Protein backbone atom coordinates (compact mmCIF):
# COMPACT_ATOMS: atom_id res chain seq x y z
CA MET A 1 291.29 181.10 -61.71
CA SER A 2 288.23 179.61 -63.59
CA LYS A 3 285.51 180.54 -61.08
CA TYR A 4 285.82 184.57 -62.21
CA PRO A 5 286.12 184.27 -65.71
CA HIS A 6 285.40 187.99 -66.21
CA ILE A 7 289.33 188.90 -63.91
CA TYR A 8 291.08 186.33 -65.07
CA SER A 9 290.23 187.90 -68.65
CA ARG A 10 291.54 191.07 -67.52
CA LEU A 11 294.73 189.50 -66.64
CA ILE A 12 295.32 187.46 -70.13
CA ILE A 13 294.39 191.46 -72.06
CA GLY A 14 296.90 192.86 -69.75
CA SER A 15 299.61 190.86 -69.84
CA SER A 16 299.27 190.00 -73.18
CA SER A 17 299.33 194.08 -73.53
CA LEU A 18 302.33 194.34 -71.09
CA LEU A 19 304.39 191.47 -72.77
CA LEU A 20 303.50 193.84 -75.72
CA PHE A 21 305.13 196.30 -74.71
CA ILE A 22 308.17 195.19 -73.36
CA LEU A 23 309.27 193.56 -77.60
CA LEU A 24 308.05 197.66 -78.34
CA ALA A 25 310.54 198.63 -75.78
CA ILE A 26 313.35 196.58 -76.68
CA LEU A 27 312.80 197.06 -80.59
CA VAL A 28 313.15 201.40 -79.38
CA GLY A 29 315.97 200.87 -77.72
CA GLN A 30 317.88 198.22 -79.64
CA HIS A 31 316.60 200.97 -82.65
CA ALA A 32 315.53 198.43 -84.51
CA THR A 33 315.67 199.01 -88.83
CA PHE A 34 311.50 198.64 -89.22
CA ILE A 35 310.60 200.58 -86.01
CA THR A 36 312.34 203.50 -87.09
CA SER A 37 311.05 203.33 -90.71
CA ALA A 38 307.71 203.09 -89.17
CA ASP A 39 308.37 206.47 -87.57
CA HIS A 40 310.03 208.36 -90.00
CA GLU A 41 307.65 207.60 -92.42
CA ALA A 42 304.24 208.11 -90.50
CA ILE A 43 305.95 211.80 -89.93
CA ASN A 44 307.01 212.14 -93.32
CA LEU A 45 302.99 211.10 -94.14
CA LEU A 46 301.61 214.23 -91.82
CA HIS A 47 304.35 216.50 -92.72
CA PRO A 48 302.64 217.87 -96.30
CA LEU A 49 299.87 218.40 -93.78
CA ILE A 50 301.58 221.30 -91.21
CA THR A 51 300.57 224.81 -92.18
CA PRO A 52 301.69 227.49 -89.74
CA ALA A 53 297.92 227.63 -89.12
CA ARG A 54 296.87 224.03 -88.07
CA THR A 55 300.27 223.16 -85.89
CA LYS A 56 298.31 226.23 -83.83
CA PHE A 57 295.21 224.34 -84.16
CA ILE A 58 296.83 221.53 -83.45
CA THR A 59 299.02 222.36 -80.23
CA ILE A 60 296.00 223.25 -78.77
CA ILE A 61 294.74 219.65 -79.29
CA SER A 62 297.89 218.99 -77.60
CA ASN A 63 297.78 221.16 -74.80
CA LEU A 64 294.44 219.87 -73.32
CA ALA A 65 296.20 216.44 -72.62
CA SER A 66 299.21 218.32 -70.97
CA PRO A 67 300.79 217.56 -67.59
CA THR A 68 299.01 220.42 -66.24
CA MET A 69 295.45 220.28 -67.76
CA MET A 70 294.71 215.74 -66.44
CA THR A 71 295.56 217.11 -62.86
CA VAL A 72 292.80 219.78 -63.12
CA TYR A 73 290.72 217.22 -64.37
CA SER A 74 291.12 214.33 -61.77
CA ILE A 75 291.05 217.30 -58.86
CA ILE A 76 287.61 218.58 -61.15
CA ILE A 77 286.35 214.72 -60.82
CA ALA A 78 287.59 213.53 -57.43
CA LEU A 79 285.84 216.70 -56.05
CA PHE A 80 283.06 216.24 -57.89
CA LEU A 81 282.68 212.92 -57.24
CA ALA A 82 283.09 214.36 -53.04
CA ARG A 83 279.35 216.09 -53.69
CA LYS A 84 277.73 212.45 -54.80
CA ASN A 85 279.32 211.49 -51.39
CA GLN A 86 281.74 209.62 -52.20
CA PHE A 87 284.47 210.91 -51.32
CA ARG A 88 286.80 207.74 -51.14
CA VAL A 89 286.30 207.06 -53.98
CA GLY A 90 287.01 210.70 -55.03
CA LEU A 91 290.36 209.99 -52.96
CA ASN A 92 291.16 207.01 -54.80
CA PHE A 93 291.38 208.07 -58.89
CA LEU A 94 293.42 210.84 -57.58
CA ILE A 95 295.50 208.53 -56.06
CA PHE A 96 294.78 205.83 -58.91
CA PHE A 97 295.47 208.11 -61.33
CA SER A 98 298.38 210.14 -60.02
CA SER A 99 299.99 206.25 -59.29
CA PHE A 100 299.76 205.85 -63.35
CA ASN A 101 301.49 208.99 -64.26
CA LEU A 102 303.84 208.74 -62.24
CA LEU A 103 304.87 204.88 -63.27
CA ASN A 104 304.67 206.22 -66.90
CA HIS A 105 307.77 209.11 -66.52
CA ILE A 106 309.71 206.09 -64.69
CA VAL A 107 309.56 204.24 -67.59
CA LYS A 108 309.95 206.89 -69.61
CA GLY A 109 313.26 208.38 -67.27
CA TRP A 110 314.10 204.36 -68.42
CA ILE A 111 313.99 204.18 -70.96
CA GLU A 112 315.53 207.32 -72.21
CA ARG A 113 314.57 207.85 -76.24
CA PRO A 114 314.98 211.00 -77.82
CA ARG A 115 312.67 212.91 -79.28
CA PRO A 116 311.97 212.95 -82.86
CA THR A 117 314.10 215.89 -84.49
CA HIS A 118 312.89 218.99 -86.19
CA ARG A 119 309.59 219.03 -83.63
CA LEU A 120 307.08 222.53 -83.92
CA ILE A 121 306.37 222.62 -80.58
CA THR A 122 308.85 223.21 -77.96
CA ILE A 123 309.44 220.14 -75.37
CA GLY A 124 311.77 218.77 -73.19
CA GLY A 125 311.79 214.88 -71.65
CA PHE A 126 312.24 212.14 -73.01
CA SER A 127 310.06 210.07 -76.57
CA PHE A 128 309.13 206.48 -74.79
CA PRO A 129 305.96 206.71 -74.34
CA SER A 130 303.81 208.89 -75.17
CA GLY A 131 302.74 211.08 -71.72
CA HIS A 132 300.35 212.75 -73.27
CA THR A 133 298.48 209.46 -75.26
CA PHE A 134 299.30 207.77 -71.32
CA ALA A 135 297.03 210.14 -69.43
CA THR A 136 294.17 210.93 -71.83
CA ILE A 137 294.31 206.96 -71.56
CA VAL A 138 293.82 206.18 -68.38
CA LEU A 139 291.51 208.90 -68.01
CA VAL A 140 289.59 207.32 -70.52
CA PHE A 141 289.29 204.07 -68.74
CA CYS A 142 289.54 206.04 -65.29
CA ILE A 143 286.05 207.90 -66.56
CA LEU A 144 284.65 204.83 -68.40
CA THR A 145 284.47 202.74 -65.14
CA LEU A 146 283.62 205.62 -63.20
CA LEU A 147 279.90 205.70 -65.40
CA LYS A 148 280.15 201.56 -65.80
CA GLN A 149 279.73 201.74 -61.03
CA SER A 150 277.27 204.45 -61.92
CA ASN A 151 274.80 202.29 -63.72
CA CYS A 152 274.21 204.70 -66.62
CA SER A 153 272.16 203.23 -69.59
CA GLN A 154 273.76 201.18 -72.35
CA LYS A 155 274.20 204.24 -74.34
CA VAL A 156 275.40 205.94 -72.76
CA TYR A 157 278.27 204.02 -72.14
CA LEU A 158 278.71 203.29 -75.11
CA THR A 159 278.83 206.85 -76.50
CA ALA A 160 281.26 208.08 -73.31
CA THR A 161 283.44 204.75 -75.06
CA ALA A 162 283.72 206.43 -78.57
CA CYS A 163 284.12 210.00 -77.41
CA GLY A 164 287.05 208.51 -75.37
CA TRP A 165 288.84 206.18 -77.47
CA GLY A 166 288.38 209.40 -80.63
CA LEU A 167 289.92 211.69 -78.07
CA ILE A 168 293.29 208.98 -76.92
CA LEU A 169 293.33 209.18 -81.53
CA LEU A 170 292.85 212.71 -81.50
CA ILE A 171 295.59 213.14 -79.15
CA ALA A 172 298.30 210.53 -80.42
CA PHE A 173 297.97 212.26 -83.37
CA SER A 174 299.03 215.85 -81.86
CA ARG A 175 301.65 214.12 -80.76
CA VAL A 176 303.49 213.12 -83.45
CA PHE A 177 301.63 215.86 -85.52
CA LEU A 178 304.07 218.13 -83.63
CA HIS A 179 307.02 215.31 -83.66
CA ALA A 180 306.83 215.45 -80.34
CA HIS A 181 306.72 211.37 -80.62
CA PHE A 182 307.45 208.74 -82.89
CA LEU A 183 304.16 206.86 -84.00
CA SER A 184 305.73 204.19 -81.66
CA ASP A 185 305.76 206.14 -78.48
CA THR A 186 302.14 206.43 -78.75
CA ILE A 187 301.76 202.54 -79.53
CA GLY A 188 303.78 202.05 -76.16
CA SER A 189 300.92 204.01 -74.71
CA LEU A 190 298.28 202.49 -75.67
CA PHE A 191 299.99 198.61 -74.17
CA LEU A 192 301.52 200.19 -70.92
CA ALA A 193 298.38 201.30 -70.03
CA THR A 194 296.44 198.64 -71.26
CA ALA A 195 298.45 196.40 -69.48
CA SER A 196 298.88 198.37 -66.32
CA TRP A 197 295.26 199.16 -66.55
CA GLN A 198 293.46 195.25 -66.42
CA ILE A 199 296.15 194.09 -64.12
CA ILE A 200 295.82 196.15 -61.14
CA LEU A 201 291.94 196.37 -61.44
CA SER A 202 292.14 192.26 -61.96
CA ILE A 203 293.91 192.04 -58.51
CA ILE A 204 291.73 194.36 -57.17
CA GLU A 205 288.97 192.13 -58.13
CA LEU A 206 290.14 189.81 -57.13
CA ARG A 207 290.38 190.52 -53.48
CA ALA A 208 287.28 192.35 -53.28
CA THR A 209 285.62 188.95 -54.35
CA HIS A 210 287.72 186.99 -52.10
CA TYR A 211 287.24 188.89 -49.49
CA ASN A 212 283.71 188.89 -50.20
CA GLU A 213 283.62 184.83 -50.41
CA ASN A 214 285.51 185.21 -46.68
CA ILE A 215 282.42 187.46 -44.83
CA ARG A 216 279.74 185.12 -46.27
């Protein structure tokens, strides 16, 4: 593995994120006092900011990361790649993105954590990890990877990275503000998305590296 330091780094980051996610999931499942306290403190901290106008505005922002909108974004990106004669890349993107979101849905159904009470929006289902936050993180990771593969300038890449993380934080904030999720739900999404992304990409890159070495 020392021959491939970049892949090795991905595996370390991915494995560490996975361990953190598992630990957080266990603590959430056992209703650890400090997790529960931190979650309620975060909601209480945002409570003075709640007004009908702000709630409506934050709801609009949150809806940008709804499952329907994420499906629309992924299809648009796939079609854009197809028009650039990268049909296979676009198809792989759709499969990749859909598989990641399916993973989040499975984990959420397995843990079965109830959502916060007194929600400001109508929503069902379970709470941990946050699907909106998870999907946003994966979408941002995908877009940044596609930009890097397109050999864009460093300025464009850094700008996209800053905007992407700003969007992730905004969506995570919106979910807690609307009492649709606890703070730990959004943190869990970050750990799970990072873990799955880094581990799967490291496996893909390792297989591609071995394949290229074998055909030389």
